[in-house]
Amino acid sequence: MSYFIFLKNLDNVEATLYKIAENQSDLNNLNIITSAYKIIEDSQSNFNLVKFGNKYPNKYNNDTITYLDQNYSYTKKEELQTYVDAFKNQIKQFTYNNLNHPLLNRWNDYYIQLNNLNLNNITYPLNKSLEQHFNDSGQSSLNILQIP
């Protein structure tokens, strides 16, 4: 099962998603106190829809998540570059502050993948998320919400 981590005690309040975890191991390795959050189990298929940027878990009610459709359109390289740079900055913050974290190598590898991404080889507009683009091209794909 996959997990969606929301701010606690905020049923039916939009935009309370905090993190996502693909499995129990990833959940255990998040840098959070789990009792301080509302953690909802859901299917791998819903997790993938979120991970690849096709859906967004907007709110929850008890253990039911309401998802919204997501649409992406990077009309030019500079827009995608801004996203990639922000993602890389968050990864760097995590890796710098968590040198002994069990998921350090995963995030170092993903940083290298983002760093080596040639944005000139992408056809614009790119009408999908970068995560979906990576998945479609057979590359590793992680979502910024998975960073511990």
N, C-alpha and C. Protein backbone atom coordinates (compact mmCIF):
# COMPACT_ATOMS: atom_id res chain seq x y z
N MET A 1 0.84 -1.19 0.00
CA MET A 1 0.00 0.00 0.00
C MET A 1 0.87 1.25 0.00
N SER A 2 0.32 2.31 -0.52
CA SER A 2 0.98 3.60 -0.55
C SER A 2 0.33 4.51 0.48
N TYR A 3 1.02 5.59 0.79
CA TYR A 3 0.57 6.46 1.87
C TYR A 3 0.58 7.92 1.46
N PHE A 4 -0.46 8.61 1.92
CA PHE A 4 -0.58 10.04 1.72
C PHE A 4 -0.60 10.68 3.10
N ILE A 5 0.28 11.63 3.31
CA ILE A 5 0.46 12.23 4.62
C ILE A 5 -0.08 13.66 4.57
N PHE A 6 -1.10 13.88 5.38
CA PHE A 6 -1.77 15.18 5.44
C PHE A 6 -1.53 15.82 6.80
N LEU A 7 -1.77 17.11 6.86
CA LEU A 7 -1.79 17.78 8.16
C LEU A 7 -2.96 17.22 8.94
N LYS A 8 -2.76 16.99 10.22
CA LYS A 8 -3.74 16.30 11.05
C LYS A 8 -4.90 17.22 11.45
N ASN A 9 -6.06 16.59 11.65
CA ASN A 9 -7.26 17.27 12.15
C ASN A 9 -7.75 18.38 11.24
N LEU A 10 -7.61 18.15 9.94
CA LEU A 10 -8.08 19.15 8.97
C LEU A 10 -8.95 18.50 7.89
N ASP A 11 -9.90 17.68 8.35
CA ASP A 11 -10.83 17.05 7.42
C ASP A 11 -11.53 18.12 6.58
N ASN A 12 -11.66 17.83 5.29
CA ASN A 12 -12.36 18.69 4.33
C ASN A 12 -11.72 20.06 4.14
N VAL A 13 -10.46 20.19 4.51
CA VAL A 13 -9.72 21.43 4.27
C VAL A 13 -8.79 21.18 3.09
N GLU A 14 -8.88 22.03 2.09
CA GLU A 14 -8.07 21.85 0.89
C GLU A 14 -6.60 22.17 1.15
N ALA A 15 -5.75 21.59 0.32
CA ALA A 15 -4.31 21.87 0.31
C ALA A 15 -3.63 21.55 1.63
N THR A 16 -3.95 20.38 2.19
CA THR A 16 -3.32 19.97 3.45
C THR A 16 -2.36 18.80 3.26
N LEU A 17 -2.09 18.41 2.02
CA LEU A 17 -1.14 17.34 1.75
C LEU A 17 0.26 17.79 2.15
N TYR A 18 0.99 16.90 2.81
CA TYR A 18 2.35 17.21 3.25
C TYR A 18 3.39 16.39 2.49
N LYS A 19 3.21 15.08 2.43
CA LYS A 19 4.17 14.18 1.79
C LYS A 19 3.43 12.99 1.22
N ILE A 20 4.14 12.20 0.39
CA ILE A 20 3.63 10.93 -0.08
C ILE A 20 4.73 9.88 0.11
N ALA A 21 4.31 8.64 0.33
CA ALA A 21 5.26 7.54 0.50
C ALA A 21 4.74 6.34 -0.28
N GLU A 22 5.62 5.76 -1.08
CA GLU A 22 5.20 4.67 -1.97
C GLU A 22 4.96 3.36 -1.23
N ASN A 23 5.61 3.19 -0.08
CA ASN A 23 5.47 1.94 0.65
C ASN A 23 5.82 2.17 2.12
N GLN A 24 5.71 1.13 2.92
CA GLN A 24 5.96 1.24 4.36
C GLN A 24 7.40 1.68 4.65
N SER A 25 8.33 1.15 3.90
CA SER A 25 9.74 1.52 4.10
C SER A 25 9.95 3.02 3.87
N ASP A 26 9.39 3.55 2.78
CA ASP A 26 9.52 4.98 2.52
C ASP A 26 8.84 5.80 3.61
N LEU A 27 7.68 5.33 4.07
CA LEU A 27 6.99 6.02 5.15
C LEU A 27 7.86 6.04 6.41
N ASN A 28 8.46 4.91 6.72
CA ASN A 28 9.31 4.82 7.91
C ASN A 28 10.53 5.72 7.82
N ASN A 29 10.96 6.04 6.58
CA ASN A 29 12.15 6.85 6.39
C ASN A 29 11.87 8.33 6.14
N LEU A 30 10.61 8.72 6.24
CA LEU A 30 10.32 10.15 6.18
C LEU A 30 10.79 10.79 7.48
N ASN A 31 11.23 12.00 7.39
CA ASN A 31 11.70 12.70 8.58
C ASN A 31 10.53 13.38 9.29
N ILE A 32 9.57 12.55 9.73
CA ILE A 32 8.39 13.10 10.40
C ILE A 32 8.06 12.26 11.63
N ILE A 33 7.31 12.86 12.52
CA ILE A 33 6.72 12.14 13.64
C ILE A 33 5.33 11.74 13.16
N THR A 34 5.16 10.48 12.83
CA THR A 34 3.93 10.04 12.16
C THR A 34 2.67 10.34 12.97
N SER A 35 2.75 10.33 14.28
CA SER A 35 1.57 10.60 15.10
C SER A 35 1.08 12.04 14.96
N ALA A 36 1.91 12.90 14.39
CA ALA A 36 1.54 14.31 14.23
C ALA A 36 0.80 14.57 12.91
N TYR A 37 0.61 13.51 12.11
CA TYR A 37 -0.01 13.67 10.79
C TYR A 37 -1.15 12.69 10.60
N LYS A 38 -2.01 13.01 9.66
CA LYS A 38 -3.06 12.09 9.21
C LYS A 38 -2.48 11.29 8.05
N ILE A 39 -2.31 10.00 8.25
CA ILE A 39 -1.71 9.14 7.23
C ILE A 39 -2.80 8.22 6.70
N ILE A 40 -3.02 8.30 5.40
CA ILE A 40 -4.08 7.54 4.76
C ILE A 40 -3.46 6.57 3.75
N GLU A 41 -3.80 5.29 3.89
CA GLU A 41 -3.36 4.28 2.93
C GLU A 41 -4.24 4.36 1.69
N ASP A 42 -3.61 4.16 0.54
CA ASP A 42 -4.37 4.13 -0.70
C ASP A 42 -3.65 3.21 -1.68
N SER A 43 -4.23 3.03 -2.84
CA SER A 43 -3.72 2.07 -3.81
C SER A 43 -2.46 2.58 -4.50
N GLN A 44 -1.72 1.64 -5.06
CA GLN A 44 -0.54 1.98 -5.86
C GLN A 44 -0.94 2.78 -7.09
N SER A 45 -2.09 2.46 -7.67
CA SER A 45 -2.51 3.20 -8.87
C SER A 45 -2.79 4.67 -8.55
N ASN A 46 -3.43 4.94 -7.42
CA ASN A 46 -3.65 6.34 -7.04
C ASN A 46 -2.33 7.02 -6.70
N PHE A 47 -1.43 6.27 -6.05
CA PHE A 47 -0.12 6.84 -5.76
C PHE A 47 0.59 7.24 -7.06
N ASN A 48 0.56 6.35 -8.06
CA ASN A 48 1.22 6.65 -9.33
C ASN A 48 0.60 7.85 -10.02
N LEU A 49 -0.72 7.99 -9.94
CA LEU A 49 -1.36 9.16 -10.54
C LEU A 49 -0.83 10.45 -9.90
N VAL A 50 -0.60 10.41 -8.60
CA VAL A 50 -0.06 11.58 -7.90
C VAL A 50 1.43 11.73 -8.19
N LYS A 51 2.16 10.65 -8.08
CA LYS A 51 3.61 10.68 -8.31
C LYS A 51 3.95 11.25 -9.68
N PHE A 52 3.18 10.87 -10.70
CA PHE A 52 3.46 11.32 -12.05
C PHE A 52 2.74 12.62 -12.41
N GLY A 53 2.09 13.23 -11.42
CA GLY A 53 1.50 14.55 -11.61
C GLY A 53 0.18 14.59 -12.35
N ASN A 54 -0.53 13.47 -12.41
CA ASN A 54 -1.81 13.45 -13.11
C ASN A 54 -2.99 13.78 -12.19
N LYS A 55 -2.82 13.55 -10.91
CA LYS A 55 -3.85 13.86 -9.90
C LYS A 55 -3.18 14.54 -8.72
N TYR A 56 -3.97 15.28 -7.96
CA TYR A 56 -3.47 15.89 -6.73
C TYR A 56 -4.45 15.59 -5.61
N PRO A 57 -3.96 15.05 -4.48
CA PRO A 57 -4.83 14.78 -3.34
C PRO A 57 -5.18 16.09 -2.64
N ASN A 58 -6.32 16.64 -2.97
CA ASN A 58 -6.69 17.97 -2.53
C ASN A 58 -7.09 18.06 -1.07
N LYS A 59 -7.83 17.04 -0.59
CA LYS A 59 -8.29 17.05 0.80
C LYS A 59 -8.69 15.64 1.19
N TYR A 60 -8.99 15.47 2.46
CA TYR A 60 -9.44 14.17 2.94
C TYR A 60 -10.64 14.37 3.86
N ASN A 61 -11.42 13.30 3.98
CA ASN A 61 -12.52 13.25 4.92
C ASN A 61 -12.46 11.85 5.53
N ASN A 62 -12.14 11.79 6.80
CA ASN A 62 -11.84 10.51 7.47
C ASN A 62 -10.69 9.86 6.73
N ASP A 63 -10.94 8.72 6.06
CA ASP A 63 -9.86 8.06 5.31
C ASP A 63 -10.10 8.09 3.81
N THR A 64 -10.94 9.00 3.35
CA THR A 64 -11.24 9.13 1.93
C THR A 64 -10.57 10.38 1.38
N ILE A 65 -9.81 10.21 0.32
CA ILE A 65 -9.09 11.32 -0.30
C ILE A 65 -9.86 11.81 -1.52
N THR A 66 -9.96 13.12 -1.67
CA THR A 66 -10.54 13.73 -2.86
C THR A 66 -9.40 14.18 -3.75
N TYR A 67 -9.37 13.67 -4.98
CA TYR A 67 -8.32 13.98 -5.93
C TYR A 67 -8.81 14.98 -6.97
N LEU A 68 -7.91 15.84 -7.40
CA LEU A 68 -8.19 16.77 -8.49
C LEU A 68 -7.30 16.41 -9.67
N ASP A 69 -7.84 16.56 -10.87
CA ASP A 69 -7.03 16.36 -12.07
C ASP A 69 -5.99 17.46 -12.16
N GLN A 70 -4.79 17.11 -12.63
CA GLN A 70 -3.71 18.05 -12.84
C GLN A 70 -3.43 18.15 -14.33
N ASN A 71 -3.14 19.35 -14.78
CA ASN A 71 -2.74 19.56 -16.17
C ASN A 71 -1.47 20.39 -16.18
N TYR A 72 -0.50 19.94 -16.95
CA TYR A 72 0.77 20.64 -17.07
C TYR A 72 0.96 21.09 -18.50
N SER A 73 1.59 22.23 -18.64
CA SER A 73 2.03 22.68 -19.95
C SER A 73 3.22 23.60 -19.76
N TYR A 74 4.38 23.06 -20.07
CA TYR A 74 5.59 23.87 -20.08
C TYR A 74 5.74 24.35 -21.52
N THR A 75 5.43 25.61 -21.76
CA THR A 75 5.42 26.12 -23.12
C THR A 75 6.82 26.41 -23.65
N LYS A 76 7.75 26.62 -22.73
CA LYS A 76 9.12 26.87 -23.17
C LYS A 76 10.11 26.30 -22.16
N LYS A 77 11.32 26.14 -22.62
CA LYS A 77 12.38 25.51 -21.84
C LYS A 77 12.58 26.21 -20.50
N GLU A 78 12.50 27.51 -20.46
CA GLU A 78 12.76 28.27 -19.23
C GLU A 78 11.78 27.92 -18.11
N GLU A 79 10.55 27.62 -18.46
CA GLU A 79 9.56 27.23 -17.45
C GLU A 79 9.93 25.90 -16.82
N LEU A 80 10.32 24.95 -17.64
CA LEU A 80 10.73 23.65 -17.12
C LEU A 80 12.03 23.78 -16.33
N GLN A 81 12.93 24.64 -16.78
CA GLN A 81 14.19 24.85 -16.07
C GLN A 81 13.93 25.38 -14.66
N THR A 82 12.98 26.26 -14.51
CA THR A 82 12.62 26.80 -13.19
C THR A 82 12.16 25.68 -12.27
N TYR A 83 11.32 24.79 -12.80
CA TYR A 83 10.84 23.66 -12.01
C TYR A 83 11.99 22.73 -11.62
N VAL A 84 12.84 22.40 -12.58
CA VAL A 84 13.98 21.51 -12.32
C VAL A 84 14.90 22.12 -11.27
N ASP A 85 15.18 23.41 -11.38
CA ASP A 85 16.06 24.08 -10.42
C ASP A 85 15.47 24.05 -9.00
N ALA A 86 14.17 24.27 -8.88
CA ALA A 86 13.52 24.24 -7.57
C ALA A 86 13.59 22.83 -6.98
N PHE A 87 13.35 21.83 -7.80
CA PHE A 87 13.42 20.43 -7.36
C PHE A 87 14.84 20.11 -6.89
N LYS A 88 15.83 20.49 -7.68
CA LYS A 88 17.22 20.24 -7.32
C LYS A 88 17.58 20.94 -6.00
N ASN A 89 17.10 22.14 -5.80
CA ASN A 89 17.37 22.85 -4.55
C ASN A 89 16.81 22.10 -3.35
N GLN A 90 15.61 21.57 -3.47
CA GLN A 90 15.03 20.82 -2.36
C GLN A 90 15.80 19.53 -2.10
N ILE A 91 16.23 18.87 -3.15
CA ILE A 91 17.04 17.66 -2.98
C ILE A 91 18.35 18.01 -2.28
N LYS A 92 18.98 19.08 -2.71
CA LYS A 92 20.26 19.50 -2.10
C LYS A 92 20.08 19.80 -0.61
N GLN A 93 19.00 20.48 -0.25
CA GLN A 93 18.74 20.76 1.16
C GLN A 93 18.61 19.46 1.95
N PHE A 94 17.88 18.52 1.40
CA PHE A 94 17.71 17.23 2.08
C PHE A 94 19.05 16.51 2.22
N THR A 95 19.79 16.37 1.11
CA THR A 95 21.03 15.60 1.16
C THR A 95 22.09 16.27 2.04
N TYR A 96 22.14 17.57 2.02
CA TYR A 96 23.11 18.30 2.84
C TYR A 96 22.85 18.09 4.33
N ASN A 97 21.57 18.05 4.69
CA ASN A 97 21.18 17.95 6.10
C ASN A 97 20.98 16.52 6.59
N ASN A 98 21.11 15.53 5.71
CA ASN A 98 20.82 14.14 6.07
C ASN A 98 21.86 13.20 5.49
N LEU A 99 23.11 13.42 5.82
CA LEU A 99 24.22 12.67 5.22
C LEU A 99 24.19 11.18 5.52
N ASN A 100 23.49 10.76 6.56
CA ASN A 100 23.42 9.35 6.92
C ASN A 100 22.04 8.75 6.70
N HIS A 101 21.20 9.43 5.96
CA HIS A 101 19.83 8.96 5.73
C HIS A 101 19.84 7.73 4.83
N PRO A 102 18.97 6.73 5.12
CA PRO A 102 18.92 5.51 4.30
C PRO A 102 18.57 5.76 2.83
N LEU A 103 17.89 6.86 2.52
CA LEU A 103 17.50 7.15 1.14
C LEU A 103 18.42 8.16 0.46
N LEU A 104 19.55 8.44 1.06
CA LEU A 104 20.47 9.45 0.53
C LEU A 104 20.89 9.12 -0.91
N ASN A 105 21.26 7.89 -1.18
CA ASN A 105 21.72 7.53 -2.53
C ASN A 105 20.62 7.70 -3.57
N ARG A 106 19.40 7.35 -3.22
CA ARG A 106 18.27 7.51 -4.15
C ARG A 106 18.17 8.97 -4.59
N TRP A 107 18.27 9.86 -3.61
CA TRP A 107 18.10 11.28 -3.92
C TRP A 107 19.34 11.89 -4.56
N ASN A 108 20.52 11.40 -4.23
CA ASN A 108 21.72 11.84 -4.94
C ASN A 108 21.65 11.42 -6.41
N ASP A 109 21.21 10.19 -6.66
CA ASP A 109 21.07 9.71 -8.04
C ASP A 109 20.05 10.52 -8.81
N TYR A 110 18.95 10.85 -8.17
CA TYR A 110 17.92 11.62 -8.86
C TYR A 110 18.40 13.04 -9.14
N TYR A 111 19.16 13.60 -8.22
CA TYR A 111 19.75 14.92 -8.45
C TYR A 111 20.64 14.88 -9.70
N ILE A 112 21.44 13.85 -9.82
CA ILE A 112 22.31 13.71 -10.99
C ILE A 112 21.48 13.59 -12.25
N GLN A 113 20.39 12.82 -12.18
CA GLN A 113 19.51 12.68 -13.34
C GLN A 113 18.93 14.04 -13.74
N LEU A 114 18.48 14.81 -12.78
CA LEU A 114 17.94 16.14 -13.08
C LEU A 114 19.03 17.06 -13.62
N ASN A 115 20.21 16.96 -13.05
CA ASN A 115 21.33 17.80 -13.46
C ASN A 115 21.76 17.49 -14.89
N ASN A 116 21.64 16.23 -15.29
CA ASN A 116 22.05 15.80 -16.63
C ASN A 116 20.94 15.92 -17.67
N LEU A 117 19.77 16.33 -17.25
CA LEU A 117 18.64 16.46 -18.17
C LEU A 117 18.93 17.55 -19.20
N ASN A 118 18.86 17.19 -20.45
CA ASN A 118 19.07 18.16 -21.53
C ASN A 118 17.71 18.69 -21.97
N LEU A 119 17.38 19.87 -21.52
CA LEU A 119 16.08 20.45 -21.81
C LEU A 119 15.91 20.82 -23.27
N ASN A 120 17.02 20.89 -24.00
CA ASN A 120 16.94 21.18 -25.44
C ASN A 120 16.43 19.98 -26.23
N ASN A 121 16.47 18.79 -25.64
CA ASN A 121 16.01 17.59 -26.33
C ASN A 121 14.52 17.33 -26.12
N ILE A 122 13.85 18.22 -25.40
CA ILE A 122 12.42 18.06 -25.14
C ILE A 122 11.64 18.94 -26.11
N THR A 123 10.57 18.41 -26.64
CA THR A 123 9.70 19.16 -27.54
C THR A 123 8.71 19.97 -26.72
N TYR A 124 8.63 21.27 -27.02
CA TYR A 124 7.72 22.17 -26.30
C TYR A 124 6.59 22.57 -27.23
N PRO A 125 5.39 22.73 -26.70
CA PRO A 125 5.10 22.63 -25.27
C PRO A 125 5.14 21.18 -24.79
N LEU A 126 5.57 21.01 -23.55
CA LEU A 126 5.53 19.71 -22.89
C LEU A 126 4.24 19.70 -22.08
N ASN A 127 3.27 18.94 -22.54
CA ASN A 127 1.94 18.94 -21.92
C ASN A 127 1.76 17.81 -20.93
N LYS A 128 2.76 17.62 -20.09
CA LYS A 128 2.71 16.64 -19.01
C LYS A 128 3.77 17.03 -17.99
N SER A 129 3.68 16.43 -16.84
CA SER A 129 4.66 16.72 -15.79
C SER A 129 6.02 16.15 -16.16
N LEU A 130 7.05 16.68 -15.56
CA LEU A 130 8.39 16.13 -15.77
C LEU A 130 8.43 14.69 -15.30
N GLU A 131 7.75 14.39 -14.20
CA GLU A 131 7.72 13.04 -13.67
C GLU A 131 7.09 12.07 -14.67
N GLN A 132 6.01 12.49 -15.31
CA GLN A 132 5.38 11.64 -16.34
C GLN A 132 6.30 11.51 -17.54
N HIS A 133 6.97 12.58 -17.90
CA HIS A 133 7.92 12.55 -19.02
C HIS A 133 9.02 11.52 -18.75
N PHE A 134 9.60 11.54 -17.54
CA PHE A 134 10.62 10.56 -17.18
C PHE A 134 10.06 9.15 -17.25
N ASN A 135 8.90 8.94 -16.68
CA ASN A 135 8.29 7.61 -16.68
C ASN A 135 8.05 7.13 -18.11
N ASP A 136 7.52 8.01 -18.96
CA ASP A 136 7.24 7.64 -20.34
C ASP A 136 8.51 7.27 -21.12
N SER A 137 9.64 7.86 -20.72
CA SER A 137 10.89 7.58 -21.42
C SER A 137 11.73 6.51 -20.70
N GLY A 138 11.12 5.81 -19.74
CA GLY A 138 11.77 4.69 -19.08
C GLY A 138 12.83 5.08 -18.06
N GLN A 139 12.80 6.32 -17.60
CA GLN A 139 13.76 6.78 -16.61
C GLN A 139 13.14 6.75 -15.21
N SER A 140 13.99 6.78 -14.23
CA SER A 140 13.53 6.87 -12.85
C SER A 140 12.71 8.14 -12.68
N SER A 141 11.65 8.04 -11.90
CA SER A 141 10.80 9.20 -11.68
C SER A 141 10.42 9.28 -10.22
N LEU A 142 10.70 10.41 -9.63
CA LEU A 142 10.33 10.68 -8.24
C LEU A 142 9.59 12.00 -8.18
N ASN A 143 8.75 12.12 -7.18
CA ASN A 143 7.97 13.34 -6.98
C ASN A 143 8.59 14.13 -5.84
N ILE A 144 8.53 15.42 -5.95
CA ILE A 144 9.10 16.29 -4.92
C ILE A 144 8.47 16.02 -3.55
N LEU A 145 7.23 15.52 -3.53
CA LEU A 145 6.55 15.20 -2.27
C LEU A 145 7.10 13.95 -1.61
N GLN A 146 7.98 13.22 -2.29
CA GLN A 146 8.59 12.03 -1.72
C GLN A 146 9.89 12.33 -0.97
N ILE A 147 10.39 13.54 -1.08
CA ILE A 147 11.64 13.88 -0.38
C ILE A 147 11.39 13.80 1.12
N PRO A 148 12.21 13.02 1.83
CA PRO A 148 12.03 12.89 3.28
C PRO A 148 12.24 14.21 4.02
